[in-house]
């Protein structure tokens, strides 16, 4: 069984993470894997109380649990096994078991984000049922899924528009984004993290102009002429092009629920991949809304966050914390997939 531990970890690191920061570290001891957070990997405003990283760790855990079943292992999972070390996220102990054909296993290596414009249209009823079954099938507690279609997507579209505005109206968010852009394939291969510029799926004209936006003084100047509202309008258009918007809410903001939201997200994303559907996580502002401090946000930023909070309640139909927002639909294949660090244990 030990031969499969490395394969289980390899499945784990295929999980999504904010700006492809990959905030994980693994320790292996026999048939045990300990998962640790690396806080310096994600220092964004989004990662208040490491919640963005906890979502990523949850997705990583779900991949490992799926892979374990494929490789004839039973996994005993424990969150935060050492309370004195808050960076020790989880411990997985493996024992021999019968191999199970988990339908999500092959989707782990195929799952990717797709930021292209989608083709609209309704999701088939069967697809919707399968997505809901994927979300609830593992008995994950503390979070729930809601899908929005047709005009119900409008609130979600307005939310992501505010989110993209904030990236270009807040210097910290702006700097974090551009620090993580990899401008050519060679840089993407060398670092194996961050956002390969090709994954942004920019139109040719936008691809030429985008490097200029790295200069925040220039961004601040063109804001006076409505540039960030144009960026917001494009984000709104992308959401409206989808077949559905997805919302994952959590019962409370305990660390365990952020992990479970990540696990549910990954299961939904894997099911979408199985069905040949495109998926785009568009969730930054949902994390800003949950911040319990205004540090790093000026009054104009806070005004946008307040608007987003109202829209989130409208879209979700609940006062529960909204952890994640995404769009799903059909479109052409993405240009390229993000890389991962070479595994170190």
Protein backbone atom coordinates (compact mmCIF):
# COMPACT_ATOMS: atom_id res chain seq x y z
CA UNK A 1 0.00 0.00 0.00
CA UNK A 2 2.87 2.39 0.66
CA UNK A 3 3.56 2.50 -3.07
CA UNK A 4 0.28 4.36 -3.50
CA UNK A 5 0.86 7.10 -0.93
CA UNK A 6 2.78 9.20 -3.44
CA UNK A 7 0.00 8.73 -5.99
CA UNK A 8 -2.56 9.89 -3.43
CA UNK A 9 -0.54 13.04 -2.73
CA UNK A 10 -0.10 13.58 -6.48
CA UNK A 11 -3.90 13.64 -6.78
CA UNK A 12 -4.11 16.08 -3.87
CA UNK A 13 -1.88 18.70 -5.47
CA UNK A 14 -4.11 18.80 -8.56
CA UNK A 15 -6.66 20.74 -6.47
CA UNK A 16 -7.42 24.40 -7.27
CA UNK A 17 -6.08 27.25 -5.14
CA UNK A 18 -6.36 31.03 -5.22
CA UNK A 19 -4.19 32.41 -8.06
CA UNK A 20 -2.62 28.93 -8.13
CA UNK A 21 -0.72 29.66 -4.89
CA UNK A 22 -0.70 25.97 -3.85
CA UNK A 23 -0.54 26.65 -0.09
CA UNK A 24 0.18 23.05 0.98
CA UNK A 25 3.01 20.98 2.38
CA UNK A 26 2.89 17.24 3.00
CA UNK A 27 4.67 14.97 5.45
CA UNK A 28 4.53 11.23 5.00
CA UNK A 29 5.15 8.74 7.80
CA UNK A 30 4.46 5.19 6.71
CA UNK A 31 0.77 4.96 5.86
CA UNK A 32 0.03 8.44 7.17
CA UNK A 33 -0.13 11.80 5.38
CA UNK A 34 -0.05 15.05 7.33
CA UNK A 35 -1.22 18.13 5.44
CA UNK A 36 0.14 21.54 6.47
CA UNK A 37 -0.72 25.07 5.42
CA UNK A 38 2.05 27.35 4.14
CA UNK A 39 0.66 30.82 4.95
CA UNK A 40 3.31 32.78 3.08
CA UNK A 41 2.12 31.28 -0.21
CA UNK A 42 -1.08 33.35 -0.15
CA UNK A 43 -0.80 36.80 1.45
CA UNK A 44 -3.78 38.33 -0.37
CA UNK A 45 -6.58 40.32 1.24
CA UNK A 46 -8.84 37.45 0.23
CA UNK A 47 -7.03 35.08 2.56
CA UNK A 48 -8.32 36.54 5.82
CA UNK A 49 -7.81 33.97 8.60
CA UNK A 50 -6.40 31.67 5.89
CA UNK A 51 -9.92 30.97 4.61
CA UNK A 52 -8.97 30.96 0.93
CA UNK A 53 -6.21 28.49 1.74
CA UNK A 54 -8.60 26.35 3.78
CA UNK A 55 -10.87 26.06 0.74
CA UNK A 56 -7.87 24.91 -1.29
CA UNK A 57 -6.91 22.40 1.39
CA UNK A 58 -10.45 21.05 1.42
CA UNK A 59 -10.27 20.43 -2.33
CA UNK A 60 -6.87 18.79 -1.87
CA UNK A 61 -8.27 16.50 0.84
CA UNK A 62 -11.20 15.47 -1.34
CA UNK A 63 -8.86 14.54 -4.18
CA UNK A 64 -6.79 12.42 -1.81
CA UNK A 65 -9.86 10.63 -0.44
CA UNK A 66 -11.03 9.86 -3.97
CA UNK A 67 -7.58 8.64 -4.98
CA UNK A 68 -7.28 6.46 -1.87
CA UNK A 69 -10.41 4.53 -2.78
CA UNK A 70 -9.06 3.93 -6.28
CA UNK A 71 -5.80 2.60 -4.82
CA UNK A 72 -7.35 0.08 -2.42
CA UNK A 73 -6.98 2.23 0.67
CA UNK A 74 -9.38 3.27 3.37
CA UNK A 75 -8.72 6.69 4.79
CA UNK A 76 -9.36 7.96 8.29
CA UNK A 77 -9.50 11.75 8.14
CA UNK A 78 -9.03 14.09 11.08
CA UNK A 79 -9.07 17.87 10.81
CA UNK A 80 -6.61 19.93 12.89
CA UNK A 81 -5.07 16.94 14.70
CA UNK A 82 -2.70 19.16 16.71
CA UNK A 83 -4.69 22.15 18.05
CA UNK A 84 -1.49 23.84 19.17
CA UNK A 85 -0.38 24.05 15.51
CA UNK A 86 -3.07 25.82 13.46
CA UNK A 87 -1.09 25.20 10.27
CA UNK A 88 -1.50 21.43 10.68
CA UNK A 89 -4.66 21.14 8.60
CA UNK A 90 -5.39 17.43 8.48
CA UNK A 91 -4.09 13.93 9.07
CA UNK A 92 -5.04 11.00 6.87
CA UNK A 93 -4.31 7.47 8.07
CA UNK A 94 -4.59 4.74 5.45
CA UNK A 95 -5.36 1.06 5.89
CA UNK A 96 -5.76 -1.65 3.22
CA UNK A 97 -9.19 -1.94 1.66
CA UNK A 98 -10.94 -2.99 -1.52
CA UNK A 99 -10.41 -0.92 -4.65
CA UNK A 100 -13.45 1.18 -5.54
CA UNK A 101 -14.19 2.67 -8.95
CA UNK A 102 -14.85 6.23 -7.92
CA UNK A 103 -16.35 8.06 -10.93
CA UNK A 104 -14.48 11.23 -10.00
CA UNK A 105 -10.99 9.71 -10.12
CA UNK A 106 -10.26 10.24 -13.81
CA UNK A 107 -11.66 13.77 -13.63
CA UNK A 108 -8.97 14.83 -11.12
CA UNK A 109 -6.28 15.04 -13.79
CA UNK A 110 -8.65 16.66 -16.31
CA UNK A 111 -10.25 19.32 -14.07
CA UNK A 112 -9.26 22.87 -14.96
CA UNK A 113 -10.60 26.40 -14.91
CA UNK A 114 -12.07 27.82 -18.09
CA UNK A 115 -12.32 31.62 -18.30
CA UNK A 116 -13.58 31.80 -21.89
CA UNK A 117 -17.02 33.23 -22.72
CA UNK A 118 -19.59 30.46 -22.41
CA UNK A 119 -22.32 29.58 -24.90
CA UNK A 120 -25.38 30.04 -22.71
CA UNK A 121 -28.33 27.69 -22.86
CA UNK A 122 -29.86 25.64 -20.07
CA UNK A 123 -28.15 22.83 -18.24
CA UNK A 124 -29.85 19.48 -18.84
CA UNK A 125 -32.00 18.39 -15.91
CA UNK A 126 -29.84 15.29 -15.53
CA UNK A 127 -26.70 17.42 -15.27
CA UNK A 128 -28.28 19.52 -12.53
CA UNK A 129 -29.31 16.40 -10.62
CA UNK A 130 -25.81 14.95 -10.92
CA UNK A 131 -24.20 18.16 -9.70
CA UNK A 132 -26.44 18.24 -6.64
CA UNK A 133 -25.72 14.57 -5.97
CA UNK A 134 -21.98 15.26 -6.23
CA UNK A 135 -22.31 18.07 -3.69
CA UNK A 136 -24.16 15.93 -1.15
CA UNK A 137 -22.84 12.45 -1.95
CA UNK A 138 -19.93 12.43 0.49
CA UNK A 139 -22.01 13.52 3.48
CA UNK A 140 -20.08 16.78 3.80
CA UNK A 141 -21.63 18.85 6.58
CA UNK A 142 -21.90 22.56 7.24
CA UNK A 143 -22.33 23.76 3.66
CA UNK A 144 -24.88 23.67 0.87
CA UNK A 145 -25.18 24.35 -2.85
CA UNK A 146 -27.59 26.55 -4.79
CA UNK A 147 -27.68 26.85 -8.59
CA UNK A 148 -29.05 30.00 -10.26
CA UNK A 149 -30.32 29.98 -13.82
CA UNK A 150 -31.88 32.46 -16.25
CA UNK A 151 -32.61 35.87 -14.71
CA UNK A 152 -31.60 34.60 -11.27
CA UNK A 153 -28.01 34.85 -12.49
CA UNK A 154 -28.25 38.64 -12.70
CA UNK A 155 -27.40 39.20 -9.04
CA UNK A 156 -24.42 36.85 -9.39
CA UNK A 157 -23.31 38.77 -12.50
CA UNK A 158 -23.43 42.04 -10.57
CA UNK A 159 -21.41 40.46 -7.74
CA UNK A 160 -18.54 39.36 -9.99
CA UNK A 161 -18.58 42.77 -11.65
CA UNK A 162 -17.96 44.37 -8.26
CA UNK A 163 -15.26 41.79 -7.57
CA UNK A 164 -13.31 42.65 -10.72
CA UNK A 165 -13.66 46.35 -10.05
CA UNK A 166 -12.11 45.89 -6.65
CA UNK A 167 -9.06 44.13 -8.10
CA UNK A 168 -8.27 47.29 -10.07
CA UNK A 169 -9.40 49.79 -7.43
CA UNK A 170 -7.47 48.37 -4.49
CA UNK A 171 -3.67 48.57 -4.71
CA UNK A 172 -3.10 45.46 -2.58
CA UNK A 173 -5.39 43.27 -4.65
CA UNK A 174 -3.95 44.73 -7.83
CA UNK A 175 -0.36 44.06 -6.77
CA UNK A 176 -1.14 40.52 -5.65
CA UNK A 177 -2.73 39.71 -9.02
CA UNK A 178 0.15 41.05 -11.08
CA UNK A 179 2.74 39.45 -8.79
CA UNK A 180 1.16 36.13 -9.76
CA UNK A 181 0.88 36.62 -13.52
CA UNK A 182 3.31 34.46 -15.49
CA UNK A 183 3.87 36.35 -18.70
CA UNK A 184 5.17 33.60 -20.97
CA UNK A 185 5.34 29.78 -21.07
CA UNK A 186 8.96 29.77 -19.93
CA UNK A 187 8.15 31.72 -16.75
CA UNK A 188 5.12 29.51 -16.09
CA UNK A 189 7.27 26.39 -16.42
CA UNK A 190 10.05 27.81 -14.24
CA UNK A 191 7.82 28.82 -11.32
CA UNK A 192 5.02 26.25 -11.79
CA UNK A 193 2.67 28.50 -9.79
CA UNK A 194 0.63 31.64 -10.38
CA UNK A 195 -1.49 32.41 -13.43
CA UNK A 196 -0.13 31.66 -16.86
CA UNK A 197 -1.30 34.70 -18.85
CA UNK A 198 -2.87 32.33 -21.37
CA UNK A 199 -5.29 30.99 -18.73
CA UNK A 200 -6.93 34.44 -18.58
CA UNK A 201 -8.24 33.82 -22.12
CA UNK A 202 -7.83 37.46 -23.11
CA UNK A 203 -8.91 38.65 -26.53
CA UNK A 204 -5.93 39.60 -28.76
CA UNK A 205 -6.37 43.35 -28.21
CA UNK A 206 -6.76 42.88 -24.45
CA UNK A 207 -3.68 40.63 -24.41
CA UNK A 208 -1.64 43.51 -25.84
CA UNK A 209 -3.04 46.10 -23.40
CA UNK A 210 -3.04 43.97 -20.26
CA UNK A 211 0.68 44.42 -19.40
CA UNK A 212 0.07 48.18 -19.22
CA UNK A 213 -2.38 47.60 -16.36
CA UNK A 214 0.48 46.39 -14.20
CA UNK A 215 1.25 50.08 -13.58
CA UNK A 216 -1.11 51.03 -10.77
CA UNK A 217 -0.54 54.76 -11.29
CA UNK A 218 -1.81 54.32 -14.82
CA UNK A 219 -4.78 52.28 -13.57
CA UNK A 220 -5.61 54.98 -11.05
CA UNK A 221 -5.52 57.59 -13.82
CA UNK A 222 -7.72 55.72 -16.30
CA UNK A 223 -10.20 54.94 -13.53
CA UNK A 224 -11.26 58.57 -13.85
CA UNK A 225 -12.47 57.72 -17.35
CA UNK A 226 -14.45 54.66 -16.29
CA UNK A 227 -11.87 51.97 -17.13
CA UNK A 228 -12.67 49.79 -14.13
CA UNK A 229 -16.36 49.91 -14.98
CA UNK A 230 -15.47 48.51 -18.41
CA UNK A 231 -13.56 45.70 -16.71
CA UNK A 232 -16.56 45.10 -14.47
CA UNK A 233 -18.89 45.00 -17.46
CA UNK A 234 -16.79 42.25 -19.02
CA UNK A 235 -16.99 40.17 -15.83
CA UNK A 236 -20.76 40.68 -15.77
CA UNK A 237 -20.95 39.53 -19.39
CA UNK A 238 -18.94 36.39 -18.62
CA UNK A 239 -21.29 35.39 -15.82
CA UNK A 240 -24.35 36.04 -17.96
CA UNK A 241 -22.90 33.86 -20.72
CA UNK A 242 -23.00 30.84 -18.41
CA UNK A 243 -25.75 28.26 -18.10
CA UNK A 244 -25.86 28.66 -14.33
CA UNK A 245 -24.20 30.38 -11.40
CA UNK A 246 -23.37 28.28 -8.38
CA UNK A 247 -23.32 29.40 -4.75
CA UNK A 248 -21.92 27.45 -1.81
CA UNK A 249 -23.01 28.75 1.59
CA UNK A 250 -21.70 27.64 4.97
CA UNK A 251 -23.48 27.32 8.30
CA UNK A 252 -20.85 29.39 10.09
CA UNK A 253 -17.29 30.56 9.53
CA UNK A 254 -15.53 27.83 11.51
CA UNK A 255 -12.31 26.55 9.89
CA UNK A 256 -13.91 23.13 9.46
CA UNK A 257 -16.69 24.60 7.33
CA UNK A 258 -14.24 26.37 5.04
CA UNK A 259 -12.50 23.02 4.53
CA UNK A 260 -15.82 21.35 3.82
CA UNK A 261 -16.74 24.10 1.35
CA UNK A 262 -13.52 23.29 -0.51
CA UNK A 263 -14.36 19.60 -0.53
CA UNK A 264 -17.85 20.29 -1.88
CA UNK A 265 -16.45 22.67 -4.49
CA UNK A 266 -14.05 20.02 -5.75
CA UNK A 267 -16.76 17.39 -6.02
CA UNK A 268 -18.99 19.76 -8.01
CA UNK A 269 -16.08 20.75 -10.25
CA UNK A 270 -15.12 17.11 -10.85
CA UNK A 271 -18.71 16.25 -11.75
CA UNK A 272 -18.83 19.18 -14.17
CA UNK A 273 -15.59 17.91 -15.71
CA UNK A 274 -17.07 14.43 -16.08
CA UNK A 275 -19.98 15.92 -18.00
CA UNK A 276 -17.77 17.98 -20.30
CA UNK A 277 -18.94 21.26 -18.76
CA UNK A 278 -16.76 24.34 -18.36
CA UNK A 279 -16.26 25.75 -14.86
CA UNK A 280 -14.98 29.12 -13.64
CA UNK A 281 -14.53 29.97 -9.97
CA UNK A 282 -15.31 33.70 -9.53
CA UNK A 283 -15.22 34.04 -5.79
CA UNK A 284 -12.81 36.69 -4.48
CA UNK A 285 -15.41 39.11 -3.21
CA UNK A 286 -17.26 36.42 -1.25
CA UNK A 287 -14.15 36.21 0.92
CA UNK A 288 -13.80 39.98 1.31
CA UNK A 289 -17.38 40.20 2.54
CA UNK A 290 -16.53 37.81 5.39
CA UNK A 291 -13.56 39.87 6.62
CA UNK A 292 -14.01 41.16 10.15
CA UNK A 293 -11.58 44.02 9.65
CA UNK A 294 -11.45 46.95 7.23
CA UNK A 295 -7.65 46.93 7.10
CA UNK A 296 -6.42 47.31 3.53
CA UNK A 297 -9.76 48.63 2.24
CA UNK A 298 -10.53 52.32 1.78
CA UNK A 299 -14.00 53.85 1.94
CA UNK A 300 -14.71 53.41 -1.77
CA UNK A 301 -13.65 49.75 -1.54
CA UNK A 302 -15.87 49.24 1.48
CA UNK A 303 -18.80 50.74 -0.39
CA UNK A 304 -18.38 48.11 -3.12
CA UNK A 305 -18.07 45.35 -0.53
CA UNK A 306 -21.28 46.55 1.14
CA UNK A 307 -23.10 46.42 -2.20
CA UNK A 308 -21.75 42.92 -2.75
CA UNK A 309 -22.97 41.80 0.67
CA UNK A 310 -26.52 42.91 -0.20
CA UNK A 311 -26.37 41.19 -3.58
CA UNK A 312 -24.99 38.00 -2.04
CA UNK A 313 -27.91 37.79 0.35
CA UNK A 314 -30.30 38.37 -2.55
CA UNK A 315 -28.65 35.74 -4.74
CA UNK A 316 -28.37 33.08 -2.05
CA UNK A 317 -31.74 33.82 -0.45
CA UNK A 318 -30.03 33.41 2.90
CA UNK A 319 -28.17 35.34 5.55
CA UNK A 320 -25.73 32.44 5.91
CA UNK A 321 -22.11 33.22 5.00
CA UNK A 322 -21.53 32.73 1.28
CA UNK A 323 -18.21 31.00 0.78
CA UNK A 324 -17.93 30.42 -2.97
CA UNK A 325 -19.34 31.65 -6.27
CA UNK A 326 -18.79 30.07 -9.68
CA UNK A 327 -20.22 29.79 -13.18
CA UNK A 328 -20.80 26.66 -15.20
CA UNK A 329 -21.73 26.05 -18.83
CA UNK A 330 -20.42 24.97 -22.20
CA UNK A 331 -17.64 26.45 -24.29
CA UNK A 332 -14.49 25.60 -26.21
CA UNK A 333 -11.58 23.94 -24.45
CA UNK A 334 -9.26 26.25 -22.45
CA UNK A 335 -6.05 27.35 -24.13
CA UNK A 336 -3.78 25.94 -21.42
CA UNK A 337 -3.88 24.52 -17.89
CA UNK A 338 -2.04 25.84 -14.85
CA UNK A 339 1.00 23.90 -13.71
CA UNK A 340 1.77 22.56 -10.22
CA UNK A 341 4.88 22.49 -8.09
CA UNK A 342 6.88 19.33 -8.41
CA UNK A 343 5.91 17.22 -5.45
CA UNK A 344 8.06 17.31 -2.34
CA UNK A 345 7.23 15.24 0.73
